[in-house]
């Protein structure tokens, strides 16, 4: 039977995770403190899951040098806590290896996700910029895949060539750019 104190500690070690995006550093400190108290009292709970989620979130949503230093400090605190637990025999020695690896891995994974999200945002911004330029320049632009299929036509190219992208996308350029009025276009593409 879990005690009332154990139940309160379990709630304290997991509920703050709901606010992890608003204040990931504060949530990490709170859930770590509650989890450490649970470990000291041998209380039954969710284990270190709340701490791992909070560590992941810190990596995923904060990128400043100060947050990185804070994350390292928290890792040192967790390692120190587990080390003390091993020395005083209330924690198995495997936890000394297991917990820091999982804790640091969750922070690194979160950081990796954040960097990928930022890179995706940069690529979307760049794509939007290029598409805006292509849509508004007077020159006709045709792009082909490496296999010679039409992938894009800007509006100027559609007007000049008398075809619409939806009609020609995915077709071989040799099937699209033929006939007397388009032979010069086909020749330029063929020479490229």
C-alpha atoms as a PDB file:
ATOM      1  CA  UNK A   1       0.000   0.000   0.000  1.00  0.00           C
ATOM      2  CA  UNK A   2       1.400   3.362  -0.956  1.00  0.00           C
ATOM      3  CA  UNK A   3       1.407   5.967   1.774  1.00  0.00           C
ATOM      4  CA  UNK A   4      -0.208   9.387   1.451  1.00  0.00           C
ATOM      5  CA  UNK A   5       3.249  10.942   1.420  1.00  0.00           C
ATOM      6  CA  UNK A   6       4.325   8.550  -1.334  1.00  0.00           C
ATOM      7  CA  UNK A   7       1.247   9.426  -3.363  1.00  0.00           C
ATOM      8  CA  UNK A   8       1.899  13.163  -2.949  1.00  0.00           C
ATOM      9  CA  UNK A   9       5.517  12.684  -3.992  1.00  0.00           C
ATOM     10  CA  UNK A  10       4.431  10.703  -7.061  1.00  0.00           C
ATOM     11  CA  UNK A  11       2.058  13.502  -8.021  1.00  0.00           C
ATOM     12  CA  UNK A  12       4.836  16.064  -7.490  1.00  0.00           C
ATOM     13  CA  UNK A  13       7.203  14.013  -9.648  1.00  0.00           C
ATOM     14  CA  UNK A  14       4.803  13.767 -12.590  1.00  0.00           C
ATOM     15  CA  UNK A  15       2.140  16.512 -12.663  1.00  0.00           C
ATOM     16  CA  UNK A  16       4.552  19.435 -13.257  1.00  0.00           C
ATOM     17  CA  UNK A  17       5.513  17.775 -16.556  1.00  0.00           C
ATOM     18  CA  UNK A  18       2.273  19.242 -17.950  1.00  0.00           C
ATOM     19  CA  UNK A  19       3.908  22.702 -17.737  1.00  0.00           C
ATOM     20  CA  UNK A  20       7.264  21.611 -19.155  1.00  0.00           C
ATOM     21  CA  UNK A  21       7.164  23.820 -22.272  1.00  0.00           C
ATOM     22  CA  UNK A  22       6.440  26.992 -20.313  1.00  0.00           C
ATOM     23  CA  UNK A  23       9.294  26.559 -17.872  1.00  0.00           C
ATOM     24  CA  UNK A  24      11.393  23.505 -18.681  1.00  0.00           C
ATOM     25  CA  UNK A  25      14.205  24.351 -16.273  1.00  0.00           C
ATOM     26  CA  UNK A  26      11.857  24.886 -13.324  1.00  0.00           C
ATOM     27  CA  UNK A  27       9.918  21.714 -14.150  1.00  0.00           C
ATOM     28  CA  UNK A  28      13.158  19.735 -14.373  1.00  0.00           C
ATOM     29  CA  UNK A  29      14.246  20.942 -10.917  1.00  0.00           C
ATOM     30  CA  UNK A  30      10.829  20.253  -9.356  1.00  0.00           C
ATOM     31  CA  UNK A  31      10.341  16.746 -10.767  1.00  0.00           C
ATOM     32  CA  UNK A  32      13.971  15.831 -10.001  1.00  0.00           C
ATOM     33  CA  UNK A  33      13.611  16.976  -6.373  1.00  0.00           C
ATOM     34  CA  UNK A  34      10.377  15.030  -5.941  1.00  0.00           C
ATOM     35  CA  UNK A  35      11.839  11.946  -7.606  1.00  0.00           C
ATOM     36  CA  UNK A  36      14.890  12.076  -5.356  1.00  0.00           C
ATOM     37  CA  UNK A  37      12.619  12.311  -2.308  1.00  0.00           C
ATOM     38  CA  UNK A  38      10.659   9.305  -3.585  1.00  0.00           C
ATOM     39  CA  UNK A  39      13.883   7.347  -3.977  1.00  0.00           C
ATOM     40  CA  UNK A  40      14.991   8.207  -0.441  1.00  0.00           C
ATOM     41  CA  UNK A  41      11.648   7.075   0.979  1.00  0.00           C
ATOM     42  CA  UNK A  42      11.404   4.022  -1.295  1.00  0.00           C
ATOM     43  CA  UNK A  43       8.046   5.354  -2.460  1.00  0.00           C
ATOM     44  CA  UNK A  44       6.353   3.690  -5.407  1.00  0.00           C
ATOM     45  CA  UNK A  45       5.764   5.923  -8.403  1.00  0.00           C
ATOM     46  CA  UNK A  46       6.433   6.416 -12.086  1.00  0.00           C
ATOM     47  CA  UNK A  47      10.178   6.154 -11.626  1.00  0.00           C
ATOM     48  CA  UNK A  48      12.393   8.657 -13.364  1.00  0.00           C
ATOM     49  CA  UNK A  49      10.036   9.101 -16.343  1.00  0.00           C
ATOM     50  CA  UNK A  50       9.012  12.635 -15.327  1.00  0.00           C
ATOM     51  CA  UNK A  51      12.668  13.642 -14.997  1.00  0.00           C
ATOM     52  CA  UNK A  52      13.496  12.173 -18.405  1.00  0.00           C
ATOM     53  CA  UNK A  53      10.565  13.934 -20.088  1.00  0.00           C
ATOM     54  CA  UNK A  54      11.561  17.227 -18.455  1.00  0.00           C
ATOM     55  CA  UNK A  55      15.215  16.760 -19.525  1.00  0.00           C
ATOM     56  CA  UNK A  56      14.112  15.984 -23.100  1.00  0.00           C
ATOM     57  CA  UNK A  57      11.904  19.087 -23.122  1.00  0.00           C
ATOM     58  CA  UNK A  58      14.731  21.285 -21.889  1.00  0.00           C
ATOM     59  CA  UNK A  59      16.849  20.094 -24.806  1.00  0.00           C
ATOM     60  CA  UNK A  60      13.980  20.358 -27.294  1.00  0.00           C
ATOM     61  CA  UNK A  61      12.806  23.883 -26.456  1.00  0.00           C
ATOM     62  CA  UNK A  62      15.762  25.802 -25.063  1.00  0.00           C
ATOM     63  CA  UNK A  63      19.035  26.371 -26.869  1.00  0.00           C
ATOM     64  CA  UNK A  64      21.035  29.029 -25.046  1.00  0.00           C
ATOM     65  CA  UNK A  65      24.401  28.316 -23.487  1.00  0.00           C
ATOM     66  CA  UNK A  66      22.940  29.003 -20.039  1.00  0.00           C
ATOM     67  CA  UNK A  67      20.342  26.249 -20.505  1.00  0.00           C
ATOM     68  CA  UNK A  68      23.042  23.839 -21.649  1.00  0.00           C
ATOM     69  CA  UNK A  69      25.081  24.589 -18.543  1.00  0.00           C
ATOM     70  CA  UNK A  70      21.981  24.146 -16.421  1.00  0.00           C
ATOM     71  CA  UNK A  71      21.287  20.767 -18.041  1.00  0.00           C
ATOM     72  CA  UNK A  72      24.853  19.647 -17.334  1.00  0.00           C
ATOM     73  CA  UNK A  73      24.509  20.799 -13.714  1.00  0.00           C
ATOM     74  CA  UNK A  74      21.279  18.809 -13.369  1.00  0.00           C
ATOM     75  CA  UNK A  75      23.001  15.749 -14.840  1.00  0.00           C
ATOM     76  CA  UNK A  76      25.781  16.131 -12.262  1.00  0.00           C
ATOM     77  CA  UNK A  77      23.179  16.396  -9.471  1.00  0.00           C
ATOM     78  CA  UNK A  78      21.437  13.216 -10.665  1.00  0.00           C
ATOM     79  CA  UNK A  79      24.767  11.372 -11.003  1.00  0.00           C
ATOM     80  CA  UNK A  80      25.785  12.554  -7.528  1.00  0.00           C
ATOM     81  CA  UNK A  81      22.464  11.453  -6.064  1.00  0.00           C
ATOM     82  CA  UNK A  82      22.726   8.002  -7.628  1.00  0.00           C
ATOM     83  CA  UNK A  83      26.373   7.735  -6.508  1.00  0.00           C
ATOM     84  CA  UNK A  84      25.405   8.548  -2.912  1.00  0.00           C
ATOM     85  CA  UNK A  85      22.618   5.986  -3.211  1.00  0.00           C
ATOM     86  CA  UNK A  86      25.100   3.332  -4.294  1.00  0.00           C
ATOM     87  CA  UNK A  87      27.569   4.197  -1.526  1.00  0.00           C
ATOM     88  CA  UNK A  88      24.858   4.020   1.172  1.00  0.00           C
ATOM     89  CA  UNK A  89      23.317   0.905  -0.421  1.00  0.00           C
ATOM     90  CA  UNK A  90      19.823   2.202  -1.079  1.00  0.00           C
ATOM     91  CA  UNK A  91      20.341   2.083  -4.861  1.00  0.00           C
ATOM     92  CA  UNK A  92      21.787  -0.721  -6.958  1.00  0.00           C
ATOM     93  CA  UNK A  93      25.120   0.015  -8.599  1.00  0.00           C
ATOM     94  CA  UNK A  94      23.602  -0.495 -12.095  1.00  0.00           C
ATOM     95  CA  UNK A  95      21.656   2.723 -11.580  1.00  0.00           C
ATOM     96  CA  UNK A  96      24.986   4.573 -11.460  1.00  0.00           C
ATOM     97  CA  UNK A  97      25.531   3.671 -15.108  1.00  0.00           C
ATOM     98  CA  UNK A  98      21.946   3.447 -16.291  1.00  0.00           C
ATOM     99  CA  UNK A  99      20.412   6.685 -14.994  1.00  0.00           C
ATOM    100  CA  UNK A 100      23.056   9.182 -16.185  1.00  0.00           C
ATOM    101  CA  UNK A 101      23.137   7.578 -19.639  1.00  0.00           C
ATOM    102  CA  UNK A 102      19.361   7.737 -19.995  1.00  0.00           C
ATOM    103  CA  UNK A 103      19.210  11.282 -18.537  1.00  0.00           C
ATOM    104  CA  UNK A 104      21.902  12.653 -20.849  1.00  0.00           C
ATOM    105  CA  UNK A 105      20.477  10.759 -23.824  1.00  0.00           C
ATOM    106  CA  UNK A 106      17.070  12.341 -23.296  1.00  0.00           C
ATOM    107  CA  UNK A 107      18.625  15.828 -23.245  1.00  0.00           C
ATOM    108  CA  UNK A 108      20.671  15.105 -26.379  1.00  0.00           C
ATOM    109  CA  UNK A 109      17.636  13.666 -28.156  1.00  0.00           C
ATOM    110  CA  UNK A 110      15.618  16.765 -27.269  1.00  0.00           C
ATOM    111  CA  UNK A 111      18.421  19.008 -28.533  1.00  0.00           C
ATOM    112  CA  UNK A 112      18.553  17.035 -31.777  1.00  0.00           C
ATOM    113  CA  UNK A 113      14.796  17.429 -32.269  1.00  0.00           C
ATOM    114  CA  UNK A 114      15.048  21.194 -31.624  1.00  0.00           C
ATOM    115  CA  UNK A 115      17.857  21.581 -34.155  1.00  0.00           C
ATOM    116  CA  UNK A 116      15.932  19.621 -36.788  1.00  0.00           C
ATOM    117  CA  UNK A 117      12.827  21.726 -36.142  1.00  0.00           C
ATOM    118  CA  UNK A 118      14.879  24.918 -36.579  1.00  0.00           C
ATOM    119  CA  UNK A 119      16.463  23.569 -39.780  1.00  0.00           C
ATOM    120  CA  UNK A 120      13.047  22.642 -41.164  1.00  0.00           C
ATOM    121  CA  UNK A 121      11.794  26.166 -40.454  1.00  0.00           C
ATOM    122  CA  UNK A 122      14.816  27.588 -42.315  1.00  0.00           C
ATOM    123  CA  UNK A 123      14.153  25.318 -45.301  1.00  0.00           C
ATOM    124  CA  UNK A 124      10.472  26.268 -45.418  1.00  0.00           C
ATOM    125  CA  UNK A 125      11.422  29.950 -45.305  1.00  0.00           C
ATOM    126  CA  UNK A 126      13.984  29.505 -48.087  1.00  0.00           C
ATOM    127  CA  UNK A 127      11.511  27.542 -50.224  1.00  0.00           C
ATOM    128  CA  UNK A 128       8.836  30.215 -49.778  1.00  0.00           C
ATOM    129  CA  UNK A 129      11.347  32.889 -50.796  1.00  0.00           C
ATOM    130  CA  UNK A 130      12.431  31.030 -53.947  1.00  0.00           C
ATOM    131  CA  UNK A 131       8.825  30.237 -54.909  1.00  0.00           C
ATOM    132  CA  UNK A 132       7.912  33.909 -54.484  1.00  0.00           C
ATOM    133  CA  UNK A 133      10.741  34.980 -56.762  1.00  0.00           C
ATOM    134  CA  UNK A 134       9.883  32.397 -59.411  1.00  0.00           C
ATOM    135  CA  UNK A 135       6.205  33.344 -59.340  1.00  0.00           C
ATOM    136  CA  UNK A 136       6.926  37.033 -59.866  1.00  0.00           C
ATOM    137  CA  UNK A 137       9.795  37.243 -62.355  1.00  0.00           C
ATOM    138  CA  UNK A 138       9.115  37.930 -66.015  1.00  0.00           C
ATOM    139  CA  UNK A 139      11.492  35.251 -67.276  1.00  0.00           C
ATOM    140  CA  UNK A 140      10.096  31.801 -67.928  1.00  0.00           C
ATOM    141  CA  UNK A 141      11.638  29.133 -65.707  1.00  0.00           C
ATOM    142  CA  UNK A 142      11.297  25.399 -66.335  1.00  0.00           C
ATOM    143  CA  UNK A 143      12.857  22.818 -64.048  1.00  0.00           C
ATOM    144  CA  UNK A 144      13.411  19.178 -64.862  1.00  0.00           C
ATOM    145  CA  UNK A 145      14.205  16.150 -62.744  1.00  0.00           C
ATOM    146  CA  UNK A 146      17.492  14.292 -63.362  1.00  0.00           C
ATOM    147  CA  UNK A 147      15.519  11.848 -65.527  1.00  0.00           C
ATOM    148  CA  UNK A 148      14.163  14.635 -67.758  1.00  0.00           C
ATOM    149  CA  UNK A 149      10.624  14.957 -66.414  1.00  0.00           C
ATOM    150  CA  UNK A 150       9.086  18.386 -65.942  1.00  0.00           C
ATOM    151  CA  UNK A 151       8.872  19.289 -62.261  1.00  0.00           C
ATOM    152  CA  UNK A 152       7.993  23.001 -62.279  1.00  0.00           C
ATOM    153  CA  UNK A 153       6.993  25.843 -64.562  1.00  0.00           C
ATOM    154  CA  UNK A 154       6.642  29.336 -63.240  1.00  0.00           C
ATOM    155  CA  UNK A 155       3.648  31.450 -64.391  1.00  0.00           C
ATOM    156  CA  UNK A 156       5.764  33.289 -66.978  1.00  0.00           C
ATOM    157  CA  UNK A 157       6.871  29.973 -68.525  1.00  0.00           C
ATOM    158  CA  UNK A 158       3.272  28.756 -68.585  1.00  0.00           C
ATOM    159  CA  UNK A 159       2.220  31.895 -70.479  1.00  0.00           C
ATOM    160  CA  UNK A 160       5.149  31.752 -72.918  1.00  0.00           C
ATOM    161  CA  UNK A 161       4.757  28.066 -73.683  1.00  0.00           C
ATOM    162  CA  UNK A 162       0.970  27.924 -73.640  1.00  0.00           C
ATOM    163  CA  UNK A 163       0.865  24.988 -71.225  1.00  0.00           C
ATOM    164  CA  UNK A 164      -0.037  24.651 -67.556  1.00  0.00           C
ATOM    165  CA  UNK A 165       2.106  22.906 -64.967  1.00  0.00           C
ATOM    166  CA  UNK A 166      -0.742  20.590 -64.000  1.00  0.00           C
ATOM    167  CA  UNK A 167      -0.855  19.357 -67.618  1.00  0.00           C
ATOM    168  CA  UNK A 168       2.862  18.639 -67.981  1.00  0.00           C
ATOM    169  CA  UNK A 169       4.223  17.834 -64.492  1.00  0.00           C
ATOM    170  CA  UNK A 170       5.848  14.406 -64.525  1.00  0.00           C
ATOM    171  CA  UNK A 171       5.976  14.165 -68.317  1.00  0.00           C
ATOM    172  CA  UNK A 172       9.234  13.862 -70.257  1.00  0.00           C
ATOM    173  CA  UNK A 173      10.392  17.198 -71.628  1.00  0.00           C
ATOM    174  CA  UNK A 174      10.674  15.642 -75.099  1.00  0.00           C
ATOM    175  CA  UNK A 175       6.919  14.961 -74.983  1.00  0.00           C
ATOM    176  CA  UNK A 176       6.126  18.503 -73.828  1.00  0.00           C
ATOM    177  CA  UNK A 177       8.501  20.708 -75.810  1.00  0.00           C
ATOM    178  CA  UNK A 178       7.943  19.645 -79.412  1.00  0.00           C
ATOM    179  CA  UNK A 179       6.360  21.245 -82.416  1.00  0.00           C
ATOM    180  CA  UNK A 180       7.726  24.137 -84.441  1.00  0.00           C
ATOM    181  CA  UNK A 181       7.130  26.860 -81.843  1.00  0.00           C
ATOM    182  CA  UNK A 182       8.787  24.874 -79.023  1.00  0.00           C
ATOM    183  CA  UNK A 183      11.725  23.288 -80.862  1.00  0.00           C
ATOM    184  CA  UNK A 184      14.075  26.036 -79.755  1.00  0.00           C
ATOM    185  CA  UNK A 185      13.144  25.356 -76.110  1.00  0.00           C
ATOM    186  CA  UNK A 186      13.726  21.635 -76.637  1.00  0.00           C
ATOM    187  CA  UNK A 187      17.063  22.334 -78.274  1.00  0.00           C
ATOM    188  CA  UNK A 188      18.216  24.528 -75.353  1.00  0.00           C
ATOM    189  CA  UNK A 189      17.200  21.817 -72.877  1.00  0.00           C
ATOM    190  CA  UNK A 190      18.826  19.104 -74.956  1.00  0.00           C
ATOM    191  CA  UNK A 191      22.098  21.052 -75.109  1.00  0.00           C
ATOM    192  CA  UNK A 192      22.179  21.577 -71.341  1.00  0.00           C
END
